[in-house]
């Protein structure tokens, strides 16, 4: 029996695995939320496929996405990252990763967890969309606009509404699997 899934992973095995096991699964773990936030910021202007294929290199380069370590990166570490051909070497995005880690920690102090803060934008439950095909999917919604505005106010960088919406999709705050995809129904249970 043929598995029906969203068409965006195409025939890329890494994209298929990500689609089938991670994308759209509601996340409530701060470490994983930070990882997705960092990776989505690096995605700005690029494809998710590009970032996903560099994910292991990002994990190694960014201390397993350990928030406290990334928040303390200095000029030496920035130079090391800029020389790392395994990742996306964009100085603005690298600096944003560091400042976002610091802002992330401030949010954790204020709300106890980043999870508690970020899920407020969807009233603490996933938005379930009913797209029949990819052309019906959004790239931003009022909730991602509000999230973007609030994150920017708190000092986060590379968090425009489109990036926030991609984060919401990845973190399961939005179920954007098309209705015929096998994951659409699985993620509603």
C-alpha atoms as a PDB file:
ATOM      1  CA  UNK A   1       0.000   0.000   0.000  1.00  0.00           C
ATOM      2  CA  UNK A   2       1.412   3.363  -1.038  1.00  0.00           C
ATOM      3  CA  UNK A   3       1.896   5.925   1.727  1.00  0.00           C
ATOM      4  CA  UNK A   4       0.382   9.301   0.896  1.00  0.00           C
ATOM      5  CA  UNK A   5       2.303  12.240   2.296  1.00  0.00           C
ATOM      6  CA  UNK A   6       2.747  15.946   1.636  1.00  0.00           C
ATOM      7  CA  UNK A   7       4.589  16.509  -1.620  1.00  0.00           C
ATOM      8  CA  UNK A   8       7.255  18.941  -0.334  1.00  0.00           C
ATOM      9  CA  UNK A   9       9.749  16.269   0.834  1.00  0.00           C
ATOM     10  CA  UNK A  10       9.842  15.049  -2.789  1.00  0.00           C
ATOM     11  CA  UNK A  11      12.113  12.011  -3.063  1.00  0.00           C
ATOM     12  CA  UNK A  12      14.792  13.297  -0.649  1.00  0.00           C
ATOM     13  CA  UNK A  13      15.222  10.641   2.048  1.00  0.00           C
ATOM     14  CA  UNK A  14      16.265  13.118   4.760  1.00  0.00           C
ATOM     15  CA  UNK A  15      13.294  15.381   4.001  1.00  0.00           C
ATOM     16  CA  UNK A  16      10.955  12.362   4.020  1.00  0.00           C
ATOM     17  CA  UNK A  17      12.270  11.221   7.406  1.00  0.00           C
ATOM     18  CA  UNK A  18      11.893  14.753   8.809  1.00  0.00           C
ATOM     19  CA  UNK A  19       8.351  15.022   7.420  1.00  0.00           C
ATOM     20  CA  UNK A  20       7.340  11.605   8.728  1.00  0.00           C
ATOM     21  CA  UNK A  21       8.802  11.895  12.226  1.00  0.00           C
ATOM     22  CA  UNK A  22       9.283  15.548  13.245  1.00  0.00           C
ATOM     23  CA  UNK A  23       7.475  18.167  11.185  1.00  0.00           C
ATOM     24  CA  UNK A  24       4.240  19.211  12.819  1.00  0.00           C
ATOM     25  CA  UNK A  25       4.713  17.194  16.017  1.00  0.00           C
ATOM     26  CA  UNK A  26       3.796  19.452  18.965  1.00  0.00           C
ATOM     27  CA  UNK A  27       7.023  20.352  20.782  1.00  0.00           C
ATOM     28  CA  UNK A  28       7.156  21.385  24.408  1.00  0.00           C
ATOM     29  CA  UNK A  29      10.868  20.856  25.102  1.00  0.00           C
ATOM     30  CA  UNK A  30      12.814  24.118  25.374  1.00  0.00           C
ATOM     31  CA  UNK A  31      16.030  22.593  24.026  1.00  0.00           C
ATOM     32  CA  UNK A  32      14.276  21.351  20.880  1.00  0.00           C
ATOM     33  CA  UNK A  33      12.349  24.620  20.497  1.00  0.00           C
ATOM     34  CA  UNK A  34      15.676  26.479  20.612  1.00  0.00           C
ATOM     35  CA  UNK A  35      17.150  24.149  17.994  1.00  0.00           C
ATOM     36  CA  UNK A  36      14.226  24.823  15.635  1.00  0.00           C
ATOM     37  CA  UNK A  37      14.407  28.563  16.298  1.00  0.00           C
ATOM     38  CA  UNK A  38      18.131  28.609  15.509  1.00  0.00           C
ATOM     39  CA  UNK A  39      17.730  26.525  12.353  1.00  0.00           C
ATOM     40  CA  UNK A  40      14.725  28.505  11.118  1.00  0.00           C
ATOM     41  CA  UNK A  41      16.691  31.746  11.486  1.00  0.00           C
ATOM     42  CA  UNK A  42      19.423  30.266   9.280  1.00  0.00           C
ATOM     43  CA  UNK A  43      16.749  29.223   6.781  1.00  0.00           C
ATOM     44  CA  UNK A  44      15.800  32.872   6.074  1.00  0.00           C
ATOM     45  CA  UNK A  45      16.101  33.311   2.316  1.00  0.00           C
ATOM     46  CA  UNK A  46      17.049  29.662   1.781  1.00  0.00           C
ATOM     47  CA  UNK A  47      15.255  26.337   1.460  1.00  0.00           C
ATOM     48  CA  UNK A  48      14.584  24.084   4.421  1.00  0.00           C
ATOM     49  CA  UNK A  49      16.281  21.288   2.473  1.00  0.00           C
ATOM     50  CA  UNK A  50      19.549  23.269   2.535  1.00  0.00           C
ATOM     51  CA  UNK A  51      19.348  23.719   6.306  1.00  0.00           C
ATOM     52  CA  UNK A  52      18.204  20.169   7.031  1.00  0.00           C
ATOM     53  CA  UNK A  53      21.133  18.708   5.115  1.00  0.00           C
ATOM     54  CA  UNK A  54      23.488  20.801   7.278  1.00  0.00           C
ATOM     55  CA  UNK A  55      21.681  20.060  10.550  1.00  0.00           C
ATOM     56  CA  UNK A  56      24.302  17.666  11.926  1.00  0.00           C
ATOM     57  CA  UNK A  57      27.045  20.189  11.165  1.00  0.00           C
ATOM     58  CA  UNK A  58      24.971  22.893  12.884  1.00  0.00           C
ATOM     59  CA  UNK A  59      24.478  20.628  15.900  1.00  0.00           C
ATOM     60  CA  UNK A  60      28.223  20.100  16.210  1.00  0.00           C
ATOM     61  CA  UNK A  61      29.117  23.750  15.497  1.00  0.00           C
ATOM     62  CA  UNK A  62      26.523  25.110  17.933  1.00  0.00           C
ATOM     63  CA  UNK A  63      27.331  22.935  20.954  1.00  0.00           C
ATOM     64  CA  UNK A  64      24.402  20.536  20.460  1.00  0.00           C
ATOM     65  CA  UNK A  65      22.139  23.608  20.507  1.00  0.00           C
ATOM     66  CA  UNK A  66      22.869  24.145  24.202  1.00  0.00           C
ATOM     67  CA  UNK A  67      21.265  27.518  24.918  1.00  0.00           C
ATOM     68  CA  UNK A  68      23.627  28.604  27.697  1.00  0.00           C
ATOM     69  CA  UNK A  69      26.715  27.778  25.655  1.00  0.00           C
ATOM     70  CA  UNK A  70      25.486  29.558  22.505  1.00  0.00           C
ATOM     71  CA  UNK A  71      24.552  32.611  24.599  1.00  0.00           C
ATOM     72  CA  UNK A  72      28.181  32.861  25.730  1.00  0.00           C
ATOM     73  CA  UNK A  73      29.888  32.620  22.346  1.00  0.00           C
ATOM     74  CA  UNK A  74      32.621  35.195  21.874  1.00  0.00           C
ATOM     75  CA  UNK A  75      34.551  36.644  18.928  1.00  0.00           C
ATOM     76  CA  UNK A  76      36.834  33.600  18.788  1.00  0.00           C
ATOM     77  CA  UNK A  77      33.863  31.261  18.472  1.00  0.00           C
ATOM     78  CA  UNK A  78      32.251  33.544  15.868  1.00  0.00           C
ATOM     79  CA  UNK A  79      35.447  33.398  13.792  1.00  0.00           C
ATOM     80  CA  UNK A  80      35.438  29.608  14.117  1.00  0.00           C
ATOM     81  CA  UNK A  81      31.811  29.474  12.929  1.00  0.00           C
ATOM     82  CA  UNK A  82      32.532  31.782   9.991  1.00  0.00           C
ATOM     83  CA  UNK A  83      35.298  29.389   8.921  1.00  0.00           C
ATOM     84  CA  UNK A  84      33.088  26.289   9.212  1.00  0.00           C
ATOM     85  CA  UNK A  85      32.141  25.209   5.678  1.00  0.00           C
ATOM     86  CA  UNK A  86      29.622  22.703   7.044  1.00  0.00           C
ATOM     87  CA  UNK A  87      27.174  25.402   8.108  1.00  0.00           C
ATOM     88  CA  UNK A  88      25.681  28.513   6.542  1.00  0.00           C
ATOM     89  CA  UNK A  89      28.392  31.109   7.123  1.00  0.00           C
ATOM     90  CA  UNK A  90      26.443  34.303   7.440  1.00  0.00           C
ATOM     91  CA  UNK A  91      27.759  36.707  10.077  1.00  0.00           C
ATOM     92  CA  UNK A  92      24.348  38.310  10.686  1.00  0.00           C
ATOM     93  CA  UNK A  93      22.711  34.932  11.233  1.00  0.00           C
ATOM     94  CA  UNK A  94      25.536  33.714  13.493  1.00  0.00           C
ATOM     95  CA  UNK A  95      25.281  36.886  15.571  1.00  0.00           C
ATOM     96  CA  UNK A  96      21.499  36.437  15.642  1.00  0.00           C
ATOM     97  CA  UNK A  97      21.889  32.884  16.973  1.00  0.00           C
ATOM     98  CA  UNK A  98      23.913  34.258  19.890  1.00  0.00           C
ATOM     99  CA  UNK A  99      21.592  37.170  20.648  1.00  0.00           C
ATOM    100  CA  UNK A 100      18.565  34.875  20.252  1.00  0.00           C
ATOM    101  CA  UNK A 101      20.042  32.472  22.821  1.00  0.00           C
ATOM    102  CA  UNK A 102      20.352  35.373  25.258  1.00  0.00           C
ATOM    103  CA  UNK A 103      16.805  36.535  24.531  1.00  0.00           C
ATOM    104  CA  UNK A 104      15.598  32.924  24.864  1.00  0.00           C
ATOM    105  CA  UNK A 105      17.107  32.769  28.363  1.00  0.00           C
ATOM    106  CA  UNK A 106      15.351  36.009  29.341  1.00  0.00           C
ATOM    107  CA  UNK A 107      12.024  34.583  28.184  1.00  0.00           C
ATOM    108  CA  UNK A 108      12.697  31.419  30.196  1.00  0.00           C
ATOM    109  CA  UNK A 109      13.304  33.517  33.304  1.00  0.00           C
ATOM    110  CA  UNK A 110      10.114  35.511  32.783  1.00  0.00           C
ATOM    111  CA  UNK A 111       7.796  32.614  31.842  1.00  0.00           C
ATOM    112  CA  UNK A 112       9.591  29.684  33.563  1.00  0.00           C
ATOM    113  CA  UNK A 113       9.904  27.988  30.152  1.00  0.00           C
ATOM    114  CA  UNK A 114      10.094  29.176  26.563  1.00  0.00           C
ATOM    115  CA  UNK A 115       7.394  26.599  25.833  1.00  0.00           C
ATOM    116  CA  UNK A 116       4.959  28.399  28.136  1.00  0.00           C
ATOM    117  CA  UNK A 117       5.681  31.668  26.327  1.00  0.00           C
ATOM    118  CA  UNK A 118       5.638  30.524  22.701  1.00  0.00           C
ATOM    119  CA  UNK A 119       2.489  28.380  22.823  1.00  0.00           C
ATOM    120  CA  UNK A 120       0.418  31.329  24.043  1.00  0.00           C
ATOM    121  CA  UNK A 121       0.299  32.543  20.434  1.00  0.00           C
ATOM    122  CA  UNK A 122      -1.949  29.576  19.537  1.00  0.00           C
ATOM    123  CA  UNK A 123      -3.845  29.404  22.845  1.00  0.00           C
ATOM    124  CA  UNK A 124      -1.727  26.405  23.898  1.00  0.00           C
ATOM    125  CA  UNK A 125      -3.165  24.045  21.279  1.00  0.00           C
ATOM    126  CA  UNK A 126      -2.245  23.408  17.648  1.00  0.00           C
ATOM    127  CA  UNK A 127      -4.090  25.152  14.863  1.00  0.00           C
ATOM    128  CA  UNK A 128      -5.481  22.465  12.542  1.00  0.00           C
ATOM    129  CA  UNK A 129      -5.593  23.573   8.926  1.00  0.00           C
ATOM    130  CA  UNK A 130      -7.395  21.661   6.198  1.00  0.00           C
ATOM    131  CA  UNK A 131      -5.316  22.197   3.075  1.00  0.00           C
ATOM    132  CA  UNK A 132      -5.985  19.841   0.184  1.00  0.00           C
ATOM    133  CA  UNK A 133      -2.721  20.736  -1.544  1.00  0.00           C
ATOM    134  CA  UNK A 134       0.380  22.840  -1.033  1.00  0.00           C
ATOM    135  CA  UNK A 135      -1.041  25.827  -2.891  1.00  0.00           C
ATOM    136  CA  UNK A 136      -3.563  26.237  -0.056  1.00  0.00           C
ATOM    137  CA  UNK A 137      -0.877  26.503   2.638  1.00  0.00           C
ATOM    138  CA  UNK A 138      -0.095  29.853   4.213  1.00  0.00           C
ATOM    139  CA  UNK A 139       3.295  31.463   4.685  1.00  0.00           C
ATOM    140  CA  UNK A 140       2.108  33.623   7.577  1.00  0.00           C
ATOM    141  CA  UNK A 141      -1.022  34.123   9.682  1.00  0.00           C
ATOM    142  CA  UNK A 142      -2.136  36.676  12.305  1.00  0.00           C
ATOM    143  CA  UNK A 143      -0.643  34.467  15.052  1.00  0.00           C
ATOM    144  CA  UNK A 144       2.761  34.407  13.346  1.00  0.00           C
ATOM    145  CA  UNK A 145       2.518  38.191  12.894  1.00  0.00           C
ATOM    146  CA  UNK A 146       1.885  38.592  16.637  1.00  0.00           C
ATOM    147  CA  UNK A 147       4.664  36.152  17.517  1.00  0.00           C
ATOM    148  CA  UNK A 148       7.114  37.951  15.244  1.00  0.00           C
ATOM    149  CA  UNK A 149       6.262  41.356  16.679  1.00  0.00           C
ATOM    150  CA  UNK A 150       6.624  40.159  20.270  1.00  0.00           C
ATOM    151  CA  UNK A 151       9.863  38.247  19.628  1.00  0.00           C
ATOM    152  CA  UNK A 152      11.373  41.304  17.945  1.00  0.00           C
ATOM    153  CA  UNK A 153      10.328  43.455  20.901  1.00  0.00           C
ATOM    154  CA  UNK A 154      12.205  41.007  23.125  1.00  0.00           C
ATOM    155  CA  UNK A 155      15.390  41.328  21.048  1.00  0.00           C
ATOM    156  CA  UNK A 156      15.143  38.278  18.780  1.00  0.00           C
ATOM    157  CA  UNK A 157      16.542  38.566  15.242  1.00  0.00           C
ATOM    158  CA  UNK A 158      15.560  36.813  11.991  1.00  0.00           C
ATOM    159  CA  UNK A 159      12.053  36.265  13.324  1.00  0.00           C
ATOM    160  CA  UNK A 160       9.860  37.820  10.660  1.00  0.00           C
ATOM    161  CA  UNK A 161       6.323  36.496  10.327  1.00  0.00           C
ATOM    162  CA  UNK A 162       7.225  34.000   7.580  1.00  0.00           C
ATOM    163  CA  UNK A 163      10.083  32.550   9.666  1.00  0.00           C
ATOM    164  CA  UNK A 164       7.774  32.432  12.688  1.00  0.00           C
ATOM    165  CA  UNK A 165       5.190  30.561  10.657  1.00  0.00           C
ATOM    166  CA  UNK A 166       7.808  28.037   9.502  1.00  0.00           C
ATOM    167  CA  UNK A 167       8.766  27.614  13.172  1.00  0.00           C
ATOM    168  CA  UNK A 168       5.091  27.116  14.098  1.00  0.00           C
ATOM    169  CA  UNK A 169       4.774  24.415  11.444  1.00  0.00           C
ATOM    170  CA  UNK A 170       7.963  22.652  12.549  1.00  0.00           C
ATOM    171  CA  UNK A 171       7.082  22.849  16.256  1.00  0.00           C
ATOM    172  CA  UNK A 172       3.582  21.491  15.727  1.00  0.00           C
ATOM    173  CA  UNK A 173       1.860  24.718  16.684  1.00  0.00           C
ATOM    174  CA  UNK A 174       0.152  24.396  13.295  1.00  0.00           C
ATOM    175  CA  UNK A 175      -0.799  21.152  11.572  1.00  0.00           C
ATOM    176  CA  UNK A 176      -0.127  21.974   7.928  1.00  0.00           C
ATOM    177  CA  UNK A 177       0.042  18.439   6.613  1.00  0.00           C
ATOM    178  CA  UNK A 178      -2.364  18.232   3.695  1.00  0.00           C
ATOM    179  CA  UNK A 179      -5.529  16.332   4.624  1.00  0.00           C
ATOM    180  CA  UNK A 180      -4.634  13.274   2.505  1.00  0.00           C
ATOM    181  CA  UNK A 181      -1.202  12.941   4.162  1.00  0.00           C
ATOM    182  CA  UNK A 182      -0.973  10.030   6.607  1.00  0.00           C
ATOM    183  CA  UNK A 183       0.508  12.380   9.232  1.00  0.00           C
ATOM    184  CA  UNK A 184      -2.451  14.772   9.144  1.00  0.00           C
ATOM    185  CA  UNK A 185      -4.741  12.404  11.030  1.00  0.00           C
ATOM    186  CA  UNK A 186      -1.975  10.910  13.204  1.00  0.00           C
ATOM    187  CA  UNK A 187      -1.120  14.335  14.616  1.00  0.00           C
ATOM    188  CA  UNK A 188      -4.704  15.008  15.655  1.00  0.00           C
ATOM    189  CA  UNK A 189      -4.773  12.063  18.052  1.00  0.00           C
END
